[in-house]
């Protein structure tokens, strides 16, 4: 990670140090190496402990620091694996609102990007903004055919300030990690790099336009949802033109009741959309708060604002499935293994303690049907275990957990009897079936076969390396013939088992390749797979019986 000299942004460093000091966040100044930027008389008087009401002070400081830091706070509010609940709740209040820039500045951007005035590009363009955020400003307009659209324009100078702040964040993060090594357990520098990529993507409105179209494609034909159409003729990296959408806010219970809309159905539909994004499409809206969802007169849910989205890899989807399956089965050992496997912070310091804490967590809902569990409360308890053991979940996994909690909260506002677990249950069941399907077993067997064959191939080199080390060290072994015989017999038995394992691995790999890659054998897939598993089982039985005979003798 390339760092920029501190002197390159002296004015901004002084501004940041002053804001943090005024909010009593002296401990942050010290750890981040920012105390030097305070004026002489104030240096050393900034305090070291967190102030009373620290979460509120942190939020207010981020608001004063501007768009980059507000975005950082918003993203941290979606990381319950890293941020304690009081800070999550306070950071979630961050509203990305800012004073509007003059209409002349917006018109100048339109001319630069589209090569024509706004009055030429659109049949009508309202100079009064509908909304103004730190990065962009939204105006209503009309196309030549009378279609109402919203035009989102990136404010002049927004990119330059954000790039400066990102460089500063990299510097202070590196300094803080050296001063407080515990931060390395959370890969804070990696988190800043992830944040930098996310924010840079959000600055490009072409990415947001592509995301809007991708959601529309994923939900094509589902009349429960609607996504805005993109008008590409007037869309660039700095301008985004979308279909105008309006309706009732999805959490405005009084308005929904007055309109005669079915709140129970809306709760189920909003959760179903989220479940499809996560478990079927692998592409999700990462900011699904009520302000981004409207209910149209017929009850259809309109979803907007695609600046923050996430993708779930096949591996992460598999891991999330394993996590949900372990929860559904109330299996503490399995859940502990899944959490450790998913963590980016390396090996757990105390596996026994983790297993014990997970067992206590499982006991909290033992004897209760998972479909009746309050998922938000369950998630908070699990996240407390994750934070206690310094586990760092992949960013997408943490955001998904936060989204599920938000979805259950919205569902209960709409319907007090709502249980997100009931909506997720069929998805968990399908994931369980997928993980034990013939195709999944074949993939696992192929992977195991490749690993075993690689090990067998490397064995001569490993033995040769070991012998060279022993020769170099002058290692000598003196044995009498009577002592050698049992060692030779044991080596022979081990050799037979290694040979059997290699043959099994080769057989499994061969069967796997045939049933997955050779179309002529597709009709024989199940019989061949059963034969392969049977052969592997037979060899496994042989090895087990051999071990048992040896133990008896």
Protein backbone atom coordinates (compact mmCIF):
# COMPACT_ATOMS: atom_id res chain seq x y z
CA UNK A 1 0.00 0.00 0.00
CA UNK A 2 1.74 3.18 -1.23
CA UNK A 3 1.66 6.01 1.31
CA UNK A 4 1.72 9.75 0.54
CA UNK A 5 4.09 11.98 2.58
CA UNK A 6 2.27 13.55 5.54
CA UNK A 7 3.39 17.03 4.42
CA UNK A 8 1.38 16.64 1.21
CA UNK A 9 -1.93 17.37 2.97
CA UNK A 10 -0.87 19.52 5.93
CA UNK A 11 -3.91 21.78 5.86
CA UNK A 12 -6.36 18.87 5.85
CA UNK A 13 -4.42 17.07 8.61
CA UNK A 14 -4.73 20.17 10.82
CA UNK A 15 -8.46 20.35 10.10
CA UNK A 16 -8.98 16.66 10.98
CA UNK A 17 -6.92 16.96 14.18
CA UNK A 18 -8.88 20.03 15.28
CA UNK A 19 -12.27 18.33 14.76
CA UNK A 20 -11.25 15.17 16.61
CA UNK A 21 -9.82 17.19 19.52
CA UNK A 22 -12.98 19.32 19.83
CA UNK A 23 -15.03 16.14 20.17
CA UNK A 24 -12.79 14.77 22.92
CA UNK A 25 -11.33 11.98 20.77
CA UNK A 26 -7.77 12.51 21.96
CA UNK A 27 -7.11 8.77 22.15
CA UNK A 28 -7.74 8.57 18.39
CA UNK A 29 -5.37 11.50 17.77
CA UNK A 30 -2.60 9.82 19.74
CA UNK A 31 -2.91 6.37 18.19
CA UNK A 32 -3.25 7.79 14.65
CA UNK A 33 -0.25 10.09 15.06
CA UNK A 34 -2.32 13.24 14.50
CA UNK A 35 -1.46 15.07 17.75
CA UNK A 36 1.46 16.77 16.00
CA UNK A 37 -1.01 18.72 13.84
CA UNK A 38 -2.64 20.49 16.79
CA UNK A 39 -1.50 24.06 17.56
CA UNK A 40 1.26 24.21 20.18
CA UNK A 41 -0.87 25.41 23.14
CA UNK A 42 -3.43 22.60 22.61
CA UNK A 43 -0.91 19.81 22.09
CA UNK A 44 -0.85 17.38 25.01
CA UNK A 45 -4.19 18.64 26.32
CA UNK A 46 -6.43 16.63 24.01
CA UNK A 47 -7.08 13.88 26.58
CA UNK A 48 -6.51 10.16 26.31
CA UNK A 49 -9.75 8.46 27.34
CA UNK A 50 -12.95 8.19 25.36
CA UNK A 51 -15.42 10.95 26.33
CA UNK A 52 -18.79 10.30 27.90
CA UNK A 53 -21.25 9.53 25.14
CA UNK A 54 -18.38 8.55 22.84
CA UNK A 55 -20.60 7.05 20.08
CA UNK A 56 -22.41 10.41 19.68
CA UNK A 57 -19.11 12.30 19.56
CA UNK A 58 -17.76 9.90 16.94
CA UNK A 59 -20.84 10.41 14.75
CA UNK A 60 -20.71 14.19 15.04
CA UNK A 61 -17.00 14.24 14.28
CA UNK A 62 -17.55 12.14 11.14
CA UNK A 63 -20.31 14.51 10.03
CA UNK A 64 -17.95 17.49 10.37
CA UNK A 65 -15.12 15.67 8.60
CA UNK A 66 -17.15 15.46 5.40
CA UNK A 67 -18.24 12.95 2.75
CA UNK A 68 -15.38 10.44 2.92
CA UNK A 69 -15.62 10.01 6.67
CA UNK A 70 -19.42 9.97 6.64
CA UNK A 71 -19.31 7.17 4.06
CA UNK A 72 -16.77 5.34 6.24
CA UNK A 73 -19.13 5.66 9.20
CA UNK A 74 -22.07 4.39 7.16
CA UNK A 75 -20.09 1.35 6.04
CA UNK A 76 -18.86 0.67 9.58
CA UNK A 77 -22.49 0.71 10.72
CA UNK A 78 -22.96 -2.34 8.47
CA UNK A 79 -20.01 -4.19 10.08
CA UNK A 80 -21.48 -5.64 13.29
CA UNK A 81 -18.55 -8.06 13.45
CA UNK A 82 -16.22 -5.09 14.07
CA UNK A 83 -18.30 -2.36 15.70
CA UNK A 84 -20.08 -2.73 19.07
CA UNK A 85 -23.84 -2.22 19.02
CA UNK A 86 -23.93 1.31 20.61
CA UNK A 87 -21.62 2.59 17.85
CA UNK A 88 -23.57 0.73 15.16
CA UNK A 89 -26.80 2.39 16.24
CA UNK A 90 -25.23 5.85 16.31
CA UNK A 91 -23.37 5.50 13.00
CA UNK A 92 -26.57 4.29 11.34
CA UNK A 93 -27.96 7.80 11.98
CA UNK A 94 -25.42 9.35 9.61
CA UNK A 95 -27.36 11.07 6.86
CA UNK A 96 -25.47 11.86 3.68
CA UNK A 97 -27.02 15.31 3.26
CA UNK A 98 -25.17 18.46 2.24
CA UNK A 99 -26.02 21.99 1.09
CA UNK A 100 -26.79 22.09 -2.65
CA UNK A 101 -24.37 23.67 -5.09
CA UNK A 102 -25.70 26.45 -7.33
CA UNK A 103 -27.64 25.43 -10.44
CA UNK A 104 -24.95 27.06 -12.61
CA UNK A 105 -22.37 24.52 -11.36
CA UNK A 106 -24.74 21.64 -12.20
CA UNK A 107 -25.39 23.05 -15.69
CA UNK A 108 -21.63 23.33 -16.26
CA UNK A 109 -21.18 19.61 -15.49
CA UNK A 110 -24.03 18.72 -17.88
CA UNK A 111 -22.40 20.77 -20.66
CA UNK A 112 -19.00 19.13 -20.07
CA UNK A 113 -20.42 15.60 -20.03
CA UNK A 114 -23.17 15.73 -22.68
CA UNK A 115 -21.77 18.43 -24.95
CA UNK A 116 -25.00 20.45 -24.73
CA UNK A 117 -27.00 22.53 -22.29
CA UNK A 118 -29.43 20.83 -19.90
CA UNK A 119 -32.30 22.61 -21.66
CA UNK A 120 -31.24 20.92 -24.91
CA UNK A 121 -30.54 17.47 -23.46
CA UNK A 122 -33.91 17.47 -21.67
CA UNK A 123 -37.29 18.90 -22.57
CA UNK A 124 -37.41 20.39 -19.07
CA UNK A 125 -34.88 20.56 -16.22
CA UNK A 126 -35.80 21.76 -12.73
CA UNK A 127 -33.01 23.83 -11.19
CA UNK A 128 -34.36 23.23 -7.67
CA UNK A 129 -32.77 19.97 -6.44
CA UNK A 130 -34.89 17.11 -5.14
CA UNK A 131 -32.01 16.09 -2.87
CA UNK A 132 -28.42 17.07 -2.22
CA UNK A 133 -25.80 14.69 -0.84
CA UNK A 134 -22.08 15.07 -0.30
CA UNK A 135 -21.12 13.60 -3.67
CA UNK A 136 -24.13 14.20 -5.92
CA UNK A 137 -27.22 16.28 -6.41
CA UNK A 138 -30.55 15.07 -7.82
CA UNK A 139 -32.85 17.07 -10.12
CA UNK A 140 -36.13 16.24 -11.80
CA UNK A 141 -36.33 16.52 -15.59
CA UNK A 142 -38.48 15.45 -18.54
CA UNK A 143 -37.48 13.76 -21.76
CA UNK A 144 -38.73 14.83 -25.19
CA UNK A 145 -41.60 12.32 -25.01
CA UNK A 146 -42.72 13.70 -21.64
CA UNK A 147 -41.23 10.89 -19.51
CA UNK A 148 -40.35 12.04 -15.99
CA UNK A 149 -36.77 11.24 -14.98
CA UNK A 150 -34.37 11.98 -12.16
CA UNK A 151 -30.93 13.28 -13.08
CA UNK A 152 -28.15 12.66 -10.57
CA UNK A 153 -25.13 14.91 -11.12
CA UNK A 154 -21.78 14.53 -9.37
CA UNK A 155 -20.76 17.77 -7.68
CA UNK A 156 -17.63 19.59 -8.91
CA UNK A 157 -14.58 18.94 -6.70
CA UNK A 158 -16.07 15.90 -4.95
CA UNK A 159 -13.52 13.45 -6.38
CA UNK A 160 -10.48 15.54 -5.46
CA UNK A 161 -11.49 15.89 -1.80
CA UNK A 162 -12.32 12.18 -1.49
CA UNK A 163 -8.99 11.13 -3.02
CA UNK A 164 -7.14 13.38 -0.57
CA UNK A 165 -9.05 11.93 2.38
CA UNK A 166 -8.42 8.35 1.23
CA UNK A 167 -4.67 9.03 1.09
CA UNK A 168 -4.84 10.46 4.62
CA UNK A 169 -6.82 7.44 5.83
CA UNK A 170 -4.12 5.10 4.48
CA UNK A 171 -1.42 7.05 6.33
CA UNK A 172 -3.18 7.24 9.69
CA UNK A 173 -4.24 3.58 9.48
CA UNK A 174 -0.65 2.45 8.91
CA UNK A 175 0.51 4.63 11.82
CA UNK A 176 -2.25 3.41 14.13
CA UNK A 177 -1.49 -0.24 13.32
CA UNK A 178 2.16 0.26 14.29
CA UNK A 179 1.20 2.09 17.50
CA UNK A 180 -1.54 -0.35 18.46
CA UNK A 181 -0.66 -3.81 17.08
CA UNK A 182 -4.03 -5.28 18.12
CA UNK A 183 -5.47 -3.51 15.06
CA UNK A 184 -3.57 -5.97 12.87
CA UNK A 185 -5.92 -8.69 14.14
CA UNK A 186 -8.72 -6.86 12.36
CA UNK A 187 -6.75 -6.18 9.16
CA UNK A 188 -7.64 -2.48 9.44
CA UNK A 189 -5.36 -1.55 6.54
CA UNK A 190 -7.11 -4.12 4.35
CA UNK A 191 -10.48 -2.71 5.43
CA UNK A 192 -9.41 0.79 4.38
CA UNK A 193 -8.36 -0.56 0.98
CA UNK A 194 -11.76 -2.24 0.59
CA UNK A 195 -13.48 0.99 1.58
CA UNK A 196 -11.37 2.92 -0.93
CA UNK A 197 -12.42 0.59 -3.75
CA UNK A 198 -16.08 0.78 -2.72
CA UNK A 199 -16.10 4.56 -2.58
CA UNK A 200 -14.19 4.91 -5.87
CA UNK A 201 -16.79 2.68 -7.53
CA UNK A 202 -19.60 4.77 -6.04
CA UNK A 203 -18.13 7.87 -7.68
CA UNK A 204 -18.66 6.31 -11.12
CA UNK A 205 -22.32 6.61 -12.07
CA UNK A 206 -21.85 4.18 -14.95
CA UNK A 207 -21.34 1.47 -12.32
CA UNK A 208 -24.56 2.46 -10.58
CA UNK A 209 -26.42 2.39 -13.92
CA UNK A 210 -25.14 -1.12 -14.67
CA UNK A 211 -26.20 -2.25 -11.19
CA UNK A 212 -29.73 -0.91 -11.73
CA UNK A 213 -30.02 -2.86 -14.98
CA UNK A 214 -28.61 -6.01 -13.39
CA UNK A 215 -31.24 -5.92 -10.64
CA UNK A 216 -33.97 -5.34 -13.21
CA UNK A 217 -32.76 -8.38 -15.17
CA UNK A 218 -32.56 -10.56 -12.05
CA UNK A 219 -36.15 -9.71 -11.10
CA UNK A 220 -37.59 -9.65 -14.61
CA UNK A 221 -41.09 -11.13 -14.66
CA UNK A 222 -41.63 -10.75 -10.90
CA UNK A 223 -44.52 -8.31 -10.61
CA UNK A 224 -43.89 -7.74 -6.90
CA UNK A 225 -40.88 -5.50 -7.58
CA UNK A 226 -39.85 -2.67 -9.89
CA UNK A 227 -36.47 -1.13 -10.63
CA UNK A 228 -35.93 2.15 -12.51
CA UNK A 229 -35.08 2.16 -16.19
CA UNK A 230 -31.70 3.64 -17.18
CA UNK A 231 -31.62 6.27 -19.96
CA UNK A 232 -28.19 5.74 -21.43
CA UNK A 233 -28.24 8.68 -23.88
CA UNK A 234 -27.94 11.08 -20.95
CA UNK A 235 -25.85 8.91 -18.61
CA UNK A 236 -22.07 9.21 -18.10
CA UNK A 237 -19.62 8.62 -15.26
CA UNK A 238 -20.74 11.97 -13.76
CA UNK A 239 -24.43 12.01 -14.75
CA UNK A 240 -27.05 9.31 -14.14
CA UNK A 241 -30.53 9.54 -15.67
CA UNK A 242 -33.15 7.14 -14.30
CA UNK A 243 -36.88 6.66 -14.54
CA UNK A 244 -38.72 8.75 -11.92
CA UNK A 245 -40.24 6.51 -9.24
CA UNK A 246 -42.50 7.46 -6.36
CA UNK A 247 -44.82 5.91 -3.83
CA UNK A 248 -45.37 5.52 -0.10
CA UNK A 249 -42.37 4.91 2.16
CA UNK A 250 -42.40 1.23 3.00
CA UNK A 251 -42.23 1.86 6.77
CA UNK A 252 -45.01 4.48 6.82
CA UNK A 253 -47.57 2.21 8.48
CA UNK A 254 -50.31 4.85 8.75
CA UNK A 255 -50.09 5.75 5.05
CA UNK A 256 -50.03 2.08 4.01
CA UNK A 257 -53.13 1.37 6.10
CA UNK A 258 -54.91 4.43 4.69
CA UNK A 259 -54.17 3.15 1.18
CA UNK A 260 -55.59 -0.27 2.07
CA UNK A 261 -52.31 -2.10 1.37
CA UNK A 262 -51.52 -5.53 2.84
CA UNK A 263 -48.64 -4.93 5.26
CA UNK A 264 -48.14 -8.64 5.94
CA UNK A 265 -47.62 -9.30 2.23
CA UNK A 266 -45.23 -6.33 1.99
CA UNK A 267 -43.16 -7.74 4.88
CA UNK A 268 -42.92 -11.13 3.16
CA UNK A 269 -42.16 -9.60 -0.25
CA UNK A 270 -39.38 -7.29 0.99
CA UNK A 271 -37.71 -10.22 2.77
CA UNK A 272 -38.16 -12.47 -0.28
CA UNK A 273 -36.37 -9.90 -2.45
CA UNK A 274 -33.43 -9.87 -0.05
CA UNK A 275 -33.31 -13.67 0.12
CA UNK A 276 -33.26 -13.92 -3.69
CA UNK A 277 -30.44 -11.37 -3.94
CA UNK A 278 -28.30 -13.24 -1.40
CA UNK A 279 -29.00 -16.91 -1.97
CA UNK A 280 -29.95 -17.07 -5.65
CA UNK A 281 -28.44 -14.12 -7.53
CA UNK A 282 -25.31 -13.52 -5.44
CA UNK A 283 -25.74 -9.79 -6.10
CA UNK A 284 -27.39 -7.64 -3.44
CA UNK A 285 -28.43 -4.10 -2.57
CA UNK A 286 -26.10 -3.16 0.30
CA UNK A 287 -28.18 -0.23 1.56
CA UNK A 288 -31.79 -1.47 1.74
CA UNK A 289 -33.06 1.05 4.28
CA UNK A 290 -36.72 2.19 4.10
CA UNK A 291 -35.76 5.40 2.30
CA UNK A 292 -34.73 3.33 -0.71
CA UNK A 293 -38.00 1.39 -0.97
CA UNK A 294 -41.38 2.75 -2.01
CA UNK A 295 -44.75 1.06 -2.29
CA UNK A 296 -46.68 1.89 -5.46
CA UNK A 297 -50.52 2.11 -5.47
CA UNK A 298 -50.94 -1.53 -6.54
CA UNK A 299 -48.68 -2.81 -3.76
CA UNK A 300 -45.58 -3.28 -5.90
CA UNK A 301 -42.27 -2.43 -4.17
CA UNK A 302 -40.05 0.03 -6.05
CA UNK A 303 -36.34 -0.12 -5.14
CA UNK A 304 -33.90 2.73 -5.84
CA UNK A 305 -30.31 3.92 -5.16
CA UNK A 306 -27.72 1.39 -6.31
CA UNK A 307 -24.53 3.16 -5.26
CA UNK A 308 -23.80 0.51 -2.62
CA UNK A 309 -24.09 -3.05 -3.87
CA UNK A 310 -22.28 -6.29 -3.08
CA UNK A 311 -21.46 -9.58 -4.74
CA UNK A 312 -21.30 -12.98 -3.10
CA UNK A 313 -18.82 -15.47 -4.51
CA UNK A 314 -19.72 -19.14 -4.80
CA UNK A 315 -17.34 -19.84 -1.90
CA UNK A 316 -18.96 -17.22 0.33
CA UNK A 317 -22.42 -18.43 -0.61
CA UNK A 318 -21.28 -21.94 0.32
CA UNK A 319 -19.90 -20.66 3.64
CA UNK A 320 -23.09 -18.74 4.44
CA UNK A 321 -25.03 -21.90 3.68
CA UNK A 322 -22.83 -23.89 6.07
CA UNK A 323 -23.34 -21.19 8.71
CA UNK A 324 -27.12 -21.30 8.39
CA UNK A 325 -27.13 -25.11 8.33
CA UNK A 326 -25.03 -25.22 11.53
CA UNK A 327 -27.49 -22.79 13.14
CA UNK A 328 -30.49 -24.81 11.94
CA UNK A 329 -28.95 -28.04 13.29
CA UNK A 330 -27.85 -26.32 16.52
CA UNK A 331 -24.42 -27.89 16.08
CA UNK A 332 -21.85 -25.89 18.13
CA UNK A 333 -18.75 -27.74 16.87
CA UNK A 334 -19.76 -27.28 13.25
CA UNK A 335 -20.62 -23.61 13.82
CA UNK A 336 -17.26 -22.93 15.51
CA UNK A 337 -15.42 -24.54 12.57
CA UNK A 338 -17.41 -22.50 10.04
CA UNK A 339 -16.74 -19.22 11.87
CA UNK A 340 -13.01 -19.91 12.02
CA UNK A 341 -12.92 -20.93 8.35
CA UNK A 342 -14.73 -17.75 7.31
CA UNK A 343 -12.57 -15.41 9.40
CA UNK A 344 -9.88 -13.36 7.69
CA UNK A 345 -7.91 -12.83 10.91
CA UNK A 346 -6.12 -16.18 10.84
CA UNK A 347 -6.18 -19.00 13.36
CA UNK A 348 -8.20 -18.58 16.53
CA UNK A 349 -6.06 -18.02 19.61
CA UNK A 350 -8.14 -20.31 21.84
CA UNK A 351 -10.21 -22.87 19.94
CA UNK A 352 -11.51 -24.49 23.12
CA UNK A 353 -12.79 -21.15 24.40
CA UNK A 354 -14.42 -20.41 21.04
CA UNK A 355 -16.11 -23.83 21.04
CA UNK A 356 -17.34 -23.26 24.60
CA UNK A 357 -18.69 -19.78 23.79
CA UNK A 358 -20.44 -21.08 20.68
CA UNK A 359 -21.98 -23.89 22.74
CA UNK A 360 -23.34 -21.31 25.22
CA UNK A 361 -24.71 -19.30 22.29
CA UNK A 362 -26.45 -22.39 20.84
CA UNK A 363 -27.98 -23.15 24.25
CA UNK A 364 -29.79 -19.80 24.16
CA UNK A 365 -32.25 -21.13 21.59
CA UNK A 366 -31.98 -24.85 22.28
CA UNK A 367 -35.43 -26.41 22.28
CA UNK A 368 -36.88 -23.53 20.23
CA UNK A 369 -37.91 -23.90 16.59
CA UNK A 370 -35.50 -21.77 14.52
CA UNK A 371 -38.48 -20.40 12.59
CA UNK A 372 -39.70 -18.80 15.84
CA UNK A 373 -36.36 -17.24 16.80
CA UNK A 374 -35.84 -13.46 16.79
CA UNK A 375 -33.08 -13.35 14.18
CA UNK A 376 -31.91 -9.85 15.10
CA UNK A 377 -31.34 -10.85 18.73
CA UNK A 378 -29.71 -14.10 17.64
CA UNK A 379 -27.36 -12.24 15.28
CA UNK A 380 -26.32 -9.77 17.99
CA UNK A 381 -25.41 -12.64 20.34
CA UNK A 382 -23.42 -14.43 17.64
CA UNK A 383 -21.64 -11.21 16.64
CA UNK A 384 -20.64 -10.66 20.27
CA UNK A 385 -18.87 -14.05 20.15
CA UNK A 386 -17.22 -13.11 16.85
CA UNK A 387 -15.92 -9.79 18.22
CA UNK A 388 -14.75 -11.38 21.49
CA UNK A 389 -12.52 -13.80 19.60
CA UNK A 390 -11.24 -11.15 17.16
CA UNK A 391 -12.71 -12.93 14.16
CA UNK A 392 -13.01 -10.76 11.05
CA UNK A 393 -15.71 -11.84 8.63
CA UNK A 394 -15.44 -11.09 4.90
CA UNK A 395 -16.98 -7.66 4.30
CA UNK A 396 -19.79 -9.12 2.20
CA UNK A 397 -20.68 -11.68 4.88
CA UNK A 398 -20.84 -9.01 7.58
CA UNK A 399 -23.01 -6.77 5.38
CA UNK A 400 -25.33 -9.70 4.65
CA UNK A 401 -25.78 -10.35 8.38
CA UNK A 402 -26.55 -6.67 8.93
CA UNK A 403 -29.03 -6.71 6.03
CA UNK A 404 -30.82 -9.72 7.47
CA UNK A 405 -31.15 -7.91 10.80
CA UNK A 406 -32.49 -4.81 9.00
CA UNK A 407 -34.93 -6.96 7.00
CA UNK A 408 -36.32 -8.54 10.14
CA UNK A 409 -36.66 -5.11 11.76
CA UNK A 410 -38.60 -3.76 8.77
CA UNK A 411 -40.71 -6.92 8.63
CA UNK A 412 -41.75 -6.51 12.27
CA UNK A 413 -42.67 -2.87 11.71
CA UNK A 414 -45.01 -4.00 8.93
CA UNK A 415 -46.21 -7.16 10.68
CA UNK A 416 -45.55 -7.75 14.41
CA UNK A 417 -45.85 -11.52 13.81
CA UNK A 418 -43.22 -11.51 11.05
CA UNK A 419 -40.35 -14.01 11.32
CA UNK A 420 -37.53 -13.73 8.80
CA UNK A 421 -36.51 -17.29 9.66
CA UNK A 422 -39.66 -18.59 7.97
CA UNK A 423 -38.76 -16.77 4.74
CA UNK A 424 -35.19 -18.10 4.84
CA UNK A 425 -36.14 -21.69 5.72
CA UNK A 426 -36.71 -22.91 2.12
CA UNK A 427 -33.41 -21.35 1.06
CA UNK A 428 -31.56 -23.13 3.88
CA UNK A 429 -33.26 -26.40 2.92
CA UNK A 430 -32.23 -25.96 -0.70
CA UNK A 431 -28.64 -25.14 0.29
CA UNK A 432 -28.58 -28.31 2.39
CA UNK A 433 -29.78 -30.39 -0.57
CA UNK A 434 -27.27 -28.71 -2.88
CA UNK A 435 -24.36 -29.43 -0.57
CA UNK A 436 -25.20 -33.13 -0.52
CA UNK A 437 -26.27 -33.46 -4.15
CA UNK A 438 -24.42 -35.87 -6.50
CA UNK A 439 -22.80 -32.90 -8.25
CA UNK A 440 -21.52 -31.45 -4.97
CA UNK A 441 -20.25 -34.85 -3.82
CA UNK A 442 -18.51 -35.32 -7.17
CA UNK A 443 -16.78 -31.94 -6.82
CA UNK A 444 -15.65 -32.82 -3.29
CA UNK A 445 -14.37 -36.22 -4.37
CA UNK A 446 -12.50 -34.71 -7.31
CA UNK A 447 -10.89 -32.15 -5.00
CA UNK A 448 -9.96 -34.86 -2.48
CA UNK A 449 -8.56 -37.03 -5.27
CA UNK A 450 -6.43 -34.19 -6.62
CA UNK A 451 -5.10 -33.42 -3.14
CA UNK A 452 -4.20 -37.06 -2.51
CA UNK A 453 -2.54 -37.42 -5.92
CA UNK A 454 -0.55 -34.21 -5.39
CA UNK A 455 0.59 -35.52 -2.01
CA UNK A 456 1.59 -38.85 -3.53
CA UNK A 457 3.49 -37.06 -6.28
CA UNK A 458 5.33 -34.87 -3.78
CA UNK A 459 6.19 -37.77 -1.46
CA UNK A 460 9.49 -38.77 -3.17
CA UNK A 461 10.70 -35.14 -3.11
CA UNK A 462 9.73 -34.79 0.54
CA UNK A 463 11.59 -37.99 1.43
CA UNK A 464 14.61 -36.86 -0.61
CA UNK A 465 14.61 -33.46 1.13
CA UNK A 466 14.38 -35.12 4.52
CA UNK A 467 17.29 -37.44 3.70
CA UNK A 468 19.42 -34.47 2.57
CA UNK A 469 18.70 -32.67 5.85
CA UNK A 470 19.61 -35.78 7.81
CA UNK A 471 22.80 -36.29 5.78
CA UNK A 472 23.84 -32.68 6.24
CA UNK A 473 23.34 -32.95 9.99
CA UNK A 474 25.29 -36.17 10.29
CA UNK A 475 22.32 -37.96 11.79
CA UNK A 476 23.05 -41.61 12.57
CA UNK A 477 20.78 -44.45 13.69
CA UNK A 478 22.11 -47.65 15.29
CA UNK A 479 19.70 -50.61 15.33
CA UNK A 480 19.99 -54.26 16.13
CA UNK A 481 18.39 -56.72 13.69
CA UNK A 482 15.78 -57.74 16.26
CA UNK A 483 14.73 -54.12 16.57
CA UNK A 484 14.57 -53.59 12.82
CA UNK A 485 12.00 -56.30 12.02
CA UNK A 486 8.92 -54.60 13.60
CA UNK A 487 9.89 -51.29 11.99
CA UNK A 488 10.09 -52.92 8.55
CA UNK A 489 6.72 -54.61 9.11
CA UNK A 490 5.16 -51.29 10.12
CA UNK A 491 6.66 -49.52 7.11
CA UNK A 492 5.23 -52.25 4.86
CA UNK A 493 1.76 -51.77 6.33
CA UNK A 494 1.98 -47.99 5.93
CA UNK A 495 3.15 -48.42 2.34
CA UNK A 496 0.18 -50.65 1.56
CA UNK A 497 -2.21 -48.08 2.99
CA UNK A 498 -0.61 -45.21 1.08
CA UNK A 499 -0.87 -47.28 -2.10
CA UNK A 500 -4.54 -48.04 -1.39
CA UNK A 501 -5.24 -44.36 -0.75
CA UNK A 502 -3.52 -43.30 -3.98
CA UNK A 503 -5.45 -45.93 -5.98
CA UNK A 504 -8.70 -44.73 -4.39
CA UNK A 505 -7.86 -41.11 -5.16
CA UNK A 506 -7.04 -41.92 -8.77
CA UNK A 507 -10.24 -43.96 -9.13
CA UNK A 508 -12.38 -41.19 -7.62
CA UNK A 509 -10.77 -38.56 -9.82
CA UNK A 510 -11.24 -40.67 -12.91
CA UNK A 511 -14.91 -41.30 -12.16
CA UNK A 512 -15.42 -37.62 -11.36
CA UNK A 513 -13.85 -36.52 -14.64
CA UNK A 514 -15.91 -38.98 -16.65
CA UNK A 515 -19.29 -38.16 -15.12
CA UNK A 516 -18.77 -34.39 -15.28
CA UNK A 517 -16.83 -33.85 -18.51
CA UNK A 518 -17.64 -36.75 -20.87
CA UNK A 519 -21.16 -36.35 -22.29
CA UNK A 520 -21.26 -39.99 -23.41
CA UNK A 521 -21.40 -41.09 -19.78
CA UNK A 522 -24.02 -38.59 -18.58
CA UNK A 523 -26.72 -41.28 -18.50
CA UNK A 524 -24.44 -43.44 -16.32
CA UNK A 525 -23.62 -40.65 -13.89
CA UNK A 526 -25.51 -42.02 -10.89
CA UNK A 527 -24.34 -45.67 -11.29
CA UNK A 528 -20.74 -44.60 -11.81
CA UNK A 529 -20.90 -42.25 -8.86
CA UNK A 530 -22.30 -45.01 -6.65
CA UNK A 531 -19.57 -47.35 -7.88
CA UNK A 532 -16.88 -44.74 -7.11
CA UNK A 533 -18.24 -44.08 -3.65
CA UNK A 534 -18.57 -47.83 -3.06
CA UNK A 535 -14.98 -48.44 -4.11
CA UNK A 536 -13.74 -45.63 -1.89
CA UNK A 537 -15.86 -47.01 0.94
CA UNK A 538 -14.45 -50.51 0.39
CA UNK A 539 -10.89 -49.27 0.52
CA UNK A 540 -11.76 -47.21 3.61
CA UNK A 541 -13.20 -50.34 5.24
CA UNK A 542 -10.03 -52.24 4.38
CA UNK A 543 -7.87 -49.55 6.01
CA UNK A 544 -10.12 -49.48 9.11
CA UNK A 545 -10.10 -53.29 9.42
CA UNK A 546 -6.34 -53.30 9.00
CA UNK A 547 -5.96 -50.76 11.79
CA UNK A 548 -8.29 -52.78 14.03
CA UNK A 549 -6.31 -56.01 13.43
CA UNK A 550 -3.09 -54.22 14.26
CA UNK A 551 -4.57 -52.84 17.49
CA UNK A 552 -5.72 -56.35 18.55
CA UNK A 553 -2.36 -57.90 17.76
